[in-house]
Amino acid sequence: MPKTIISTAAAPAAIGTYSQAVRAGDTVYLSGQIGLDPTSMQLAEGIDAQIDRVFANLEAVAAGAGGSLADAVRVTIYLTDLVHFGKVNEAMARYFPQPYPARAAVGVASLPRGALVEADAVLVLK
C-alpha cells in the first residue's frame, strides 16, 4: 500500500526527522504536536495555551489530510504533569465531537522544547 506524506503550513513544520502526517490507505497517522505556533515556531506560554495550541495544530494537520478531528479513532496525550488531565478533557470536548476517539494519557518526564503537553492521533477517512 503506497503512503502519502501530509504537510500543511497551518501547523508547525516538523522539528526533526518526521512528517506532520502519513496517509496509508484510509488511515492517517498524525505525528505528535506540541504547543508551537505555526508562524513563529515559538512555544505557547502556560498549560492552557499549550493545550489549545496542540489541538489546533492537530486540527490543522487533519484538515491538510482532507479530514477533521471528527475522523479521529485514537488519540494519545503526553503530559509532564498529570494534574492537568482535567484541562485536556475540557479542551477535547471543544475540539472533538462525540462519540470521542479512543485515548490514552501518559505522564512523561519531559517533552521537546520544554513543552508541557503533546498529542498525536490516528484518523480513518472514508
C-alpha atoms as a PDB file:
ATOM      1  CA  MET A   1       0.000   0.000   0.000  1.00  0.00           C
ATOM      2  CA  PRO A   2       1.549   3.333  -1.000  1.00  0.00           C
ATOM      3  CA  LYS A   3       1.906   6.049   1.596  1.00  0.00           C
ATOM      4  CA  THR A   4       1.304   9.758   1.140  1.00  0.00           C
ATOM      5  CA  ILE A   5       3.089  12.410   3.164  1.00  0.00           C
ATOM      6  CA  ILE A   6       0.814  15.139   4.546  1.00  0.00           C
ATOM      7  CA  SER A   7       2.192  18.634   5.079  1.00  0.00           C
ATOM      8  CA  THR A   8       0.462  21.924   5.809  1.00  0.00           C
ATOM      9  CA  ALA A   9       1.728  25.420   6.607  1.00  0.00           C
ATOM     10  CA  ALA A  10      -1.236  25.774   9.001  1.00  0.00           C
ATOM     11  CA  ALA A  11       0.641  23.620  11.549  1.00  0.00           C
ATOM     12  CA  PRO A  12       4.237  23.849  12.784  1.00  0.00           C
ATOM     13  CA  ALA A  13       6.883  22.474  10.448  1.00  0.00           C
ATOM     14  CA  ALA A  14       8.494  19.253  11.613  1.00  0.00           C
ATOM     15  CA  ILE A  15      11.382  19.937  14.002  1.00  0.00           C
ATOM     16  CA  GLY A  16      13.006  16.559  13.431  1.00  0.00           C
ATOM     17  CA  THR A  17      13.155  13.579  11.133  1.00  0.00           C
ATOM     18  CA  TYR A  18       9.414  13.020  10.750  1.00  0.00           C
ATOM     19  CA  SER A  19       6.427  14.143   8.674  1.00  0.00           C
ATOM     20  CA  GLN A  20       3.431  16.024  10.052  1.00  0.00           C
ATOM     21  CA  ALA A  21       1.305  13.047   8.999  1.00  0.00           C
ATOM     22  CA  VAL A  22       1.396   9.984   6.781  1.00  0.00           C
ATOM     23  CA  ARG A  23      -1.602   8.514   4.983  1.00  0.00           C
ATOM     24  CA  ALA A  24      -1.725   4.793   4.181  1.00  0.00           C
ATOM     25  CA  GLY A  25      -4.996   3.791   2.552  1.00  0.00           C
ATOM     26  CA  ASP A  26      -7.835   5.297   4.572  1.00  0.00           C
ATOM     27  CA  THR A  27      -5.707   5.689   7.697  1.00  0.00           C
ATOM     28  CA  VAL A  28      -3.828   8.879   8.560  1.00  0.00           C
ATOM     29  CA  TYR A  29      -1.195   8.869  11.299  1.00  0.00           C
ATOM     30  CA  LEU A  30      -0.697  12.356  12.774  1.00  0.00           C
ATOM     31  CA  SER A  31       2.667  12.964  14.419  1.00  0.00           C
ATOM     32  CA  GLY A  32       2.799  14.370  17.911  1.00  0.00           C
ATOM     33  CA  GLN A  33       2.119  18.065  18.198  1.00  0.00           C
ATOM     34  CA  ILE A  34       3.358  20.336  20.950  1.00  0.00           C
ATOM     35  CA  GLY A  35       2.118  23.868  21.542  1.00  0.00           C
ATOM     36  CA  LEU A  36       4.207  25.559  18.853  1.00  0.00           C
ATOM     37  CA  ASP A  37       2.726  28.474  16.959  1.00  0.00           C
ATOM     38  CA  PRO A  38       2.974  27.553  13.254  1.00  0.00           C
ATOM     39  CA  THR A  39       4.058  31.046  12.232  1.00  0.00           C
ATOM     40  CA  SER A  40       6.603  31.964  14.892  1.00  0.00           C
ATOM     41  CA  MET A  41       7.566  28.386  15.878  1.00  0.00           C
ATOM     42  CA  GLN A  42       7.536  29.621  19.476  1.00  0.00           C
ATOM     43  CA  LEU A  43       6.006  27.582  22.293  1.00  0.00           C
ATOM     44  CA  ALA A  44       2.769  28.983  23.724  1.00  0.00           C
ATOM     45  CA  GLU A  45       3.074  30.153  27.326  1.00  0.00           C
ATOM     46  CA  GLY A  46       1.332  28.184  30.051  1.00  0.00           C
ATOM     47  CA  ILE A  47      -0.523  24.898  30.099  1.00  0.00           C
ATOM     48  CA  ASP A  48      -3.902  26.268  28.937  1.00  0.00           C
ATOM     49  CA  ALA A  49      -2.421  27.960  25.855  1.00  0.00           C
ATOM     50  CA  GLN A  50      -0.296  24.905  25.062  1.00  0.00           C
ATOM     51  CA  ILE A  51      -3.230  22.505  25.286  1.00  0.00           C
ATOM     52  CA  ASP A  52      -5.296  24.703  22.973  1.00  0.00           C
ATOM     53  CA  ARG A  53      -2.413  25.083  20.505  1.00  0.00           C
ATOM     54  CA  VAL A  54      -1.758  21.324  20.483  1.00  0.00           C
ATOM     55  CA  PHE A  55      -5.343  20.568  19.456  1.00  0.00           C
ATOM     56  CA  ALA A  56      -5.433  23.456  16.961  1.00  0.00           C
ATOM     57  CA  ASN A  57      -2.251  22.040  15.388  1.00  0.00           C
ATOM     58  CA  LEU A  58      -3.735  18.529  15.205  1.00  0.00           C
ATOM     59  CA  GLU A  59      -6.892  20.016  13.684  1.00  0.00           C
ATOM     60  CA  ALA A  60      -4.801  21.801  11.016  1.00  0.00           C
ATOM     61  CA  VAL A  61      -2.910  18.625  10.102  1.00  0.00           C
ATOM     62  CA  ALA A  62      -6.164  16.652   9.945  1.00  0.00           C
ATOM     63  CA  ALA A  63      -7.562  19.288   7.564  1.00  0.00           C
ATOM     64  CA  GLY A  64      -4.379  19.093   5.500  1.00  0.00           C
ATOM     65  CA  ALA A  65      -5.068  15.375   5.122  1.00  0.00           C
ATOM     66  CA  GLY A  66      -8.609  16.073   3.924  1.00  0.00           C
ATOM     67  CA  GLY A  67     -10.250  15.178   7.214  1.00  0.00           C
ATOM     68  CA  SER A  68     -11.053  16.593  10.625  1.00  0.00           C
ATOM     69  CA  LEU A  69     -10.735  15.625  14.256  1.00  0.00           C
ATOM     70  CA  ALA A  70     -14.169  14.019  13.892  1.00  0.00           C
ATOM     71  CA  ASP A  71     -12.316  11.312  11.928  1.00  0.00           C
ATOM     72  CA  ALA A  72     -10.000  10.519  14.869  1.00  0.00           C
ATOM     73  CA  VAL A  73     -10.187   6.949  16.155  1.00  0.00           C
ATOM     74  CA  ARG A  74      -7.223   7.147  18.561  1.00  0.00           C
ATOM     75  CA  VAL A  75      -5.501   9.959  20.461  1.00  0.00           C
ATOM     76  CA  THR A  76      -2.524   9.773  22.795  1.00  0.00           C
ATOM     77  CA  ILE A  77      -1.842  12.603  25.236  1.00  0.00           C
ATOM     78  CA  TYR A  78       1.555  13.087  26.890  1.00  0.00           C
ATOM     79  CA  LEU A  79       1.680  15.336  29.964  1.00  0.00           C
ATOM     80  CA  THR A  80       4.639  16.346  32.091  1.00  0.00           C
ATOM     81  CA  ASP A  81       2.188  16.719  34.999  1.00  0.00           C
ATOM     82  CA  LEU A  82      -0.977  14.603  35.098  1.00  0.00           C
ATOM     83  CA  VAL A  83      -2.613  17.208  37.315  1.00  0.00           C
ATOM     84  CA  HIS A  84      -3.567  18.916  34.015  1.00  0.00           C
ATOM     85  CA  PHE A  85      -5.573  15.916  32.793  1.00  0.00           C
ATOM     86  CA  GLY A  86      -8.890  17.692  33.523  1.00  0.00           C
ATOM     87  CA  LYS A  87      -7.861  20.631  31.335  1.00  0.00           C
ATOM     88  CA  VAL A  88      -7.118  18.206  28.495  1.00  0.00           C
ATOM     89  CA  ASN A  89     -10.603  16.713  28.887  1.00  0.00           C
ATOM     90  CA  GLU A  90     -12.171  20.184  28.680  1.00  0.00           C
ATOM     91  CA  ALA A  91     -10.210  21.002  25.522  1.00  0.00           C
ATOM     92  CA  MET A  92     -11.020  17.669  23.899  1.00  0.00           C
ATOM     93  CA  ALA A  93     -14.733  18.351  24.423  1.00  0.00           C
ATOM     94  CA  ARG A  94     -14.264  21.572  22.403  1.00  0.00           C
ATOM     95  CA  TYR A  95     -12.217  20.040  19.573  1.00  0.00           C
ATOM     96  CA  PHE A  96     -13.647  16.520  19.195  1.00  0.00           C
ATOM     97  CA  PRO A  97     -17.317  15.713  18.578  1.00  0.00           C
ATOM     98  CA  GLN A  98     -18.966  12.724  20.206  1.00  0.00           C
ATOM     99  CA  PRO A  99     -18.501   9.854  20.027  1.00  0.00           C
ATOM    100  CA  TYR A 100     -14.988  10.574  21.239  1.00  0.00           C
ATOM    101  CA  PRO A 101     -11.982   8.624  19.940  1.00  0.00           C
ATOM    102  CA  ALA A 102     -10.155   6.025  21.981  1.00  0.00           C
ATOM    103  CA  ARG A 103      -7.479   7.692  24.079  1.00  0.00           C
ATOM    104  CA  ALA A 104      -4.514   7.130  26.346  1.00  0.00           C
ATOM    105  CA  ALA A 105      -2.918   9.695  28.647  1.00  0.00           C
ATOM    106  CA  VAL A 106       0.690   9.189  29.657  1.00  0.00           C
ATOM    107  CA  GLY A 107       2.740  11.021  32.251  1.00  0.00           C
ATOM    108  CA  VAL A 108       6.238  11.762  30.949  1.00  0.00           C
ATOM    109  CA  ALA A 109       9.386  13.279  32.453  1.00  0.00           C
ATOM    110  CA  SER A 110       9.907  15.803  29.659  1.00  0.00           C
ATOM    111  CA  LEU A 111       8.876  16.773  26.138  1.00  0.00           C
ATOM    112  CA  PRO A 112      10.641  18.514  23.214  1.00  0.00           C
ATOM    113  CA  ARG A 113      11.411  22.217  23.677  1.00  0.00           C
ATOM    114  CA  GLY A 114      10.227  22.091  27.288  1.00  0.00           C
ATOM    115  CA  ALA A 115       6.591  21.605  26.263  1.00  0.00           C
ATOM    116  CA  LEU A 116       4.090  20.657  28.950  1.00  0.00           C
ATOM    117  CA  VAL A 117       1.796  18.626  26.682  1.00  0.00           C
ATOM    118  CA  GLU A 118       1.950  16.729  23.395  1.00  0.00           C
ATOM    119  CA  ALA A 119      -0.701  14.781  21.495  1.00  0.00           C
ATOM    120  CA  ASP A 120      -0.841  12.564  18.432  1.00  0.00           C
ATOM    121  CA  ALA A 121      -3.773  10.974  16.646  1.00  0.00           C
ATOM    122  CA  VAL A 122      -4.863   8.355  14.145  1.00  0.00           C
ATOM    123  CA  LEU A 123      -7.646   9.217  11.685  1.00  0.00           C
ATOM    124  CA  VAL A 124      -9.697   6.973   9.443  1.00  0.00           C
ATOM    125  CA  LEU A 125     -11.016   8.787   6.376  1.00  0.00           C
ATOM    126  CA  LYS A 126     -13.890   7.500   4.278  1.00  0.00           C
END
